[in-house]
Amino acid sequence: MHKYVIYTAYGWLTLTGILHFCVDVISQHLRGKHPPGIETTLYYGLHSAFALGQTVFGVLGLLLALRSINTLSETPILLLSLAAGLGWLTITFLFMTYWEPKLNISIFCLLIAAAFITREVGV
């Protein structure tokens, strides 16, 4: 069970990072939703960096899971993942008005908590 929760958590993070970039950066840029200016640059920069961080962290987690699932079961790694999730959640509450990123990161944090609960101690 633990293995599937790990794959789901990092897979979810990767998927939502890619989708976030597609919806909030590419889609809005192609539709010309924001007029050129400093605010638009900051908007695209925030969302690009947010999505890139999620995607890279998620892919790194998936690659590590493929190579050594036991490493991802260790307490420091799970705590680091939870800290990253809480950091992203803080960013969403402080700087983003949409509810979808808040939900996506909350699900990731819950999956990491589930991974912590379902891990076998001493593995």
C-alpha atoms as a PDB file:
ATOM      1  CA  MET A   1       0.000   0.000   0.000  1.00  0.00           C
ATOM      2  CA  HIS A   2       2.788   2.413   0.932  1.00  0.00           C
ATOM      3  CA  LYS A   3       4.423   2.074  -2.492  1.00  0.00           C
ATOM      4  CA  TYR A   4       1.212   3.058  -4.269  1.00  0.00           C
ATOM      5  CA  VAL A   5       0.696   6.061  -2.004  1.00  0.00           C
ATOM      6  CA  ILE A   6       4.236   7.265  -2.763  1.00  0.00           C
ATOM      7  CA  TYR A   7       3.751   6.915  -6.518  1.00  0.00           C
ATOM      8  CA  THR A   8       0.368   8.614  -6.295  1.00  0.00           C
ATOM      9  CA  ALA A   9       1.724  11.550  -4.273  1.00  0.00           C
ATOM     10  CA  TYR A  10       4.625  12.369  -6.581  1.00  0.00           C
ATOM     11  CA  GLY A  11       2.651  11.510  -9.697  1.00  0.00           C
ATOM     12  CA  TRP A  12      -0.107  13.851  -8.532  1.00  0.00           C
ATOM     13  CA  LEU A  13       2.414  16.609  -7.914  1.00  0.00           C
ATOM     14  CA  THR A  14       3.927  16.152 -11.370  1.00  0.00           C
ATOM     15  CA  LEU A  15       0.532  16.088 -13.089  1.00  0.00           C
ATOM     16  CA  THR A  16      -0.831  19.126 -11.283  1.00  0.00           C
ATOM     17  CA  GLY A  17       2.396  21.075 -11.898  1.00  0.00           C
ATOM     18  CA  ILE A  18       2.145  20.441 -15.634  1.00  0.00           C
ATOM     19  CA  LEU A  19      -1.566  21.230 -15.714  1.00  0.00           C
ATOM     20  CA  HIS A  20      -1.070  24.387 -13.663  1.00  0.00           C
ATOM     21  CA  PHE A  21       1.486  25.634 -16.196  1.00  0.00           C
ATOM     22  CA  CYS A  22      -0.782  24.764 -19.126  1.00  0.00           C
ATOM     23  CA  VAL A  23      -3.853  26.459 -17.655  1.00  0.00           C
ATOM     24  CA  ASP A  24      -2.411  29.491 -15.871  1.00  0.00           C
ATOM     25  CA  VAL A  25       0.484  30.344 -18.169  1.00  0.00           C
ATOM     26  CA  ILE A  26       0.193  28.893 -21.661  1.00  0.00           C
ATOM     27  CA  SER A  27      -3.601  29.108 -21.982  1.00  0.00           C
ATOM     28  CA  GLN A  28      -3.867  32.633 -20.640  1.00  0.00           C
ATOM     29  CA  HIS A  29      -0.931  33.829 -22.742  1.00  0.00           C
ATOM     30  CA  LEU A  30      -2.413  32.381 -25.944  1.00  0.00           C
ATOM     31  CA  ARG A  31      -5.792  33.944 -25.211  1.00  0.00           C
ATOM     32  CA  GLY A  32      -4.209  37.327 -24.441  1.00  0.00           C
ATOM     33  CA  LYS A  33      -5.976  37.391 -21.087  1.00  0.00           C
ATOM     34  CA  HIS A  34      -3.509  39.807 -19.476  1.00  0.00           C
ATOM     35  CA  PRO A  35      -2.359  43.074 -21.064  1.00  0.00           C
ATOM     36  CA  PRO A  36       1.426  43.523 -21.367  1.00  0.00           C
ATOM     37  CA  GLY A  37       3.005  45.102 -18.310  1.00  0.00           C
ATOM     38  CA  ILE A  38       4.818  44.567 -15.046  1.00  0.00           C
ATOM     39  CA  GLU A  39       1.838  42.879 -13.361  1.00  0.00           C
ATOM     40  CA  THR A  40       1.513  40.403 -16.220  1.00  0.00           C
ATOM     41  CA  THR A  41       5.213  39.585 -16.076  1.00  0.00           C
ATOM     42  CA  LEU A  42       4.957  38.995 -12.329  1.00  0.00           C
ATOM     43  CA  TYR A  43       1.812  36.881 -12.800  1.00  0.00           C
ATOM     44  CA  TYR A  44       3.443  34.652 -15.410  1.00  0.00           C
ATOM     45  CA  GLY A  45       6.673  34.487 -13.405  1.00  0.00           C
ATOM     46  CA  LEU A  46       4.906  33.422 -10.213  1.00  0.00           C
ATOM     47  CA  HIS A  47       2.843  30.749 -11.914  1.00  0.00           C
ATOM     48  CA  SER A  48       5.739  29.487 -14.056  1.00  0.00           C
ATOM     49  CA  ALA A  49       8.058  29.148 -11.056  1.00  0.00           C
ATOM     50  CA  PHE A  50       5.316  27.540  -8.968  1.00  0.00           C
ATOM     51  CA  ALA A  51       4.490  24.979 -11.665  1.00  0.00           C
ATOM     52  CA  LEU A  52       8.148  24.291 -12.473  1.00  0.00           C
ATOM     53  CA  GLY A  53       8.959  23.663  -8.816  1.00  0.00           C
ATOM     54  CA  GLN A  54       6.069  21.238  -8.470  1.00  0.00           C
ATOM     55  CA  THR A  55       6.876  19.400 -11.666  1.00  0.00           C
ATOM     56  CA  VAL A  56      10.592  19.026 -10.990  1.00  0.00           C
ATOM     57  CA  PHE A  57      10.047  17.950  -7.370  1.00  0.00           C
ATOM     58  CA  GLY A  58       7.390  15.470  -8.495  1.00  0.00           C
ATOM     59  CA  VAL A  59       9.566  13.985 -11.247  1.00  0.00           C
ATOM     60  CA  LEU A  60      12.493  13.739  -8.827  1.00  0.00           C
ATOM     61  CA  GLY A  61      10.244  11.915  -6.362  1.00  0.00           C
ATOM     62  CA  LEU A  62       9.024   9.516  -9.058  1.00  0.00           C
ATOM     63  CA  LEU A  63      12.566   8.775 -10.228  1.00  0.00           C
ATOM     64  CA  LEU A  64      13.703   8.193  -6.675  1.00  0.00           C
ATOM     65  CA  ALA A  65      10.712   5.923  -6.085  1.00  0.00           C
ATOM     66  CA  LEU A  66      11.671   3.863  -9.136  1.00  0.00           C
ATOM     67  CA  ARG A  67      15.263   3.526  -7.936  1.00  0.00           C
ATOM     68  CA  SER A  68      14.785   3.170  -4.191  1.00  0.00           C
ATOM     69  CA  ILE A  69      11.320   3.258  -2.657  1.00  0.00           C
ATOM     70  CA  ASN A  70      12.878   2.662   0.784  1.00  0.00           C
ATOM     71  CA  THR A  71      14.683   6.000   0.602  1.00  0.00           C
ATOM     72  CA  LEU A  72      11.372   7.813   0.186  1.00  0.00           C
ATOM     73  CA  SER A  73      10.023   5.957   3.221  1.00  0.00           C
ATOM     74  CA  GLU A  74      12.559   7.541   5.546  1.00  0.00           C
ATOM     75  CA  THR A  75      11.294  10.174   7.950  1.00  0.00           C
ATOM     76  CA  PRO A  76      13.585  13.033   6.810  1.00  0.00           C
ATOM     77  CA  ILE A  77      12.531  12.631   3.163  1.00  0.00           C
ATOM     78  CA  LEU A  78       8.840  12.527   4.041  1.00  0.00           C
ATOM     79  CA  LEU A  79       9.227  15.574   6.292  1.00  0.00           C
ATOM     80  CA  LEU A  80      11.073  17.434   3.520  1.00  0.00           C
ATOM     81  CA  SER A  81       8.258  16.597   1.099  1.00  0.00           C
ATOM     82  CA  LEU A  82       5.668  17.760   3.601  1.00  0.00           C
ATOM     83  CA  ALA A  83       7.620  20.986   4.200  1.00  0.00           C
ATOM     84  CA  ALA A  84       7.732  21.613   0.438  1.00  0.00           C
ATOM     85  CA  GLY A  85       3.993  20.993   0.229  1.00  0.00           C
ATOM     86  CA  LEU A  86       3.277  23.359   3.108  1.00  0.00           C
ATOM     87  CA  GLY A  87       5.528  25.969   1.499  1.00  0.00           C
ATOM     88  CA  TRP A  88       3.576  25.728  -1.763  1.00  0.00           C
ATOM     89  CA  LEU A  89       0.330  25.876   0.188  1.00  0.00           C
ATOM     90  CA  THR A  90       1.503  29.071   1.884  1.00  0.00           C
ATOM     91  CA  ILE A  91       2.332  30.587  -1.506  1.00  0.00           C
ATOM     92  CA  THR A  92      -1.135  29.750  -2.800  1.00  0.00           C
ATOM     93  CA  PHE A  93      -2.836  31.434   0.146  1.00  0.00           C
ATOM     94  CA  LEU A  94      -0.633  34.523   0.034  1.00  0.00           C
ATOM     95  CA  PHE A  95      -0.347  35.163  -3.700  1.00  0.00           C
ATOM     96  CA  MET A  96      -2.927  33.177  -5.695  1.00  0.00           C
ATOM     97  CA  THR A  97      -6.626  33.874  -5.911  1.00  0.00           C
ATOM     98  CA  TYR A  98      -7.650  30.583  -7.533  1.00  0.00           C
ATOM     99  CA  TRP A  99      -8.837  27.712  -5.357  1.00  0.00           C
ATOM    100  CA  GLU A 100      -7.516  24.910  -7.601  1.00  0.00           C
ATOM    101  CA  PRO A 101      -3.814  25.216  -6.643  1.00  0.00           C
ATOM    102  CA  LYS A 102      -4.803  25.229  -2.972  1.00  0.00           C
ATOM    103  CA  LEU A 103      -6.771  22.008  -3.453  1.00  0.00           C
ATOM    104  CA  ASN A 104      -4.031  20.317  -5.488  1.00  0.00           C
ATOM    105  CA  ILE A 105      -1.308  21.026  -2.941  1.00  0.00           C
ATOM    106  CA  SER A 106      -3.599  20.053  -0.063  1.00  0.00           C
ATOM    107  CA  ILE A 107      -4.121  16.672  -1.728  1.00  0.00           C
ATOM    108  CA  PHE A 108      -0.345  16.267  -2.108  1.00  0.00           C
ATOM    109  CA  CYS A 109       0.163  17.059   1.600  1.00  0.00           C
ATOM    110  CA  LEU A 110      -2.523  14.540   2.557  1.00  0.00           C
ATOM    111  CA  LEU A 111      -0.907  11.884   0.355  1.00  0.00           C
ATOM    112  CA  ILE A 112       2.486  12.513   1.986  1.00  0.00           C
ATOM    113  CA  ALA A 113       0.836  12.237   5.410  1.00  0.00           C
ATOM    114  CA  ALA A 114      -0.752   8.957   4.276  1.00  0.00           C
ATOM    115  CA  ALA A 115       2.666   7.751   3.080  1.00  0.00           C
ATOM    116  CA  PHE A 116       4.077   8.564   6.514  1.00  0.00           C
ATOM    117  CA  ILE A 117       1.309   6.606   8.220  1.00  0.00           C
ATOM    118  CA  THR A 118       1.494   3.571   5.932  1.00  0.00           C
ATOM    119  CA  ARG A 119       5.281   3.200   5.933  1.00  0.00           C
ATOM    120  CA  GLU A 120       6.900   0.248   7.597  1.00  0.00           C
ATOM    121  CA  VAL A 121       9.198   1.366  10.360  1.00  0.00           C
ATOM    122  CA  GLY A 122      12.676  -0.121  10.165  1.00  0.00           C
ATOM    123  CA  VAL A 123      12.585  -0.792   6.416  1.00  0.00           C
END
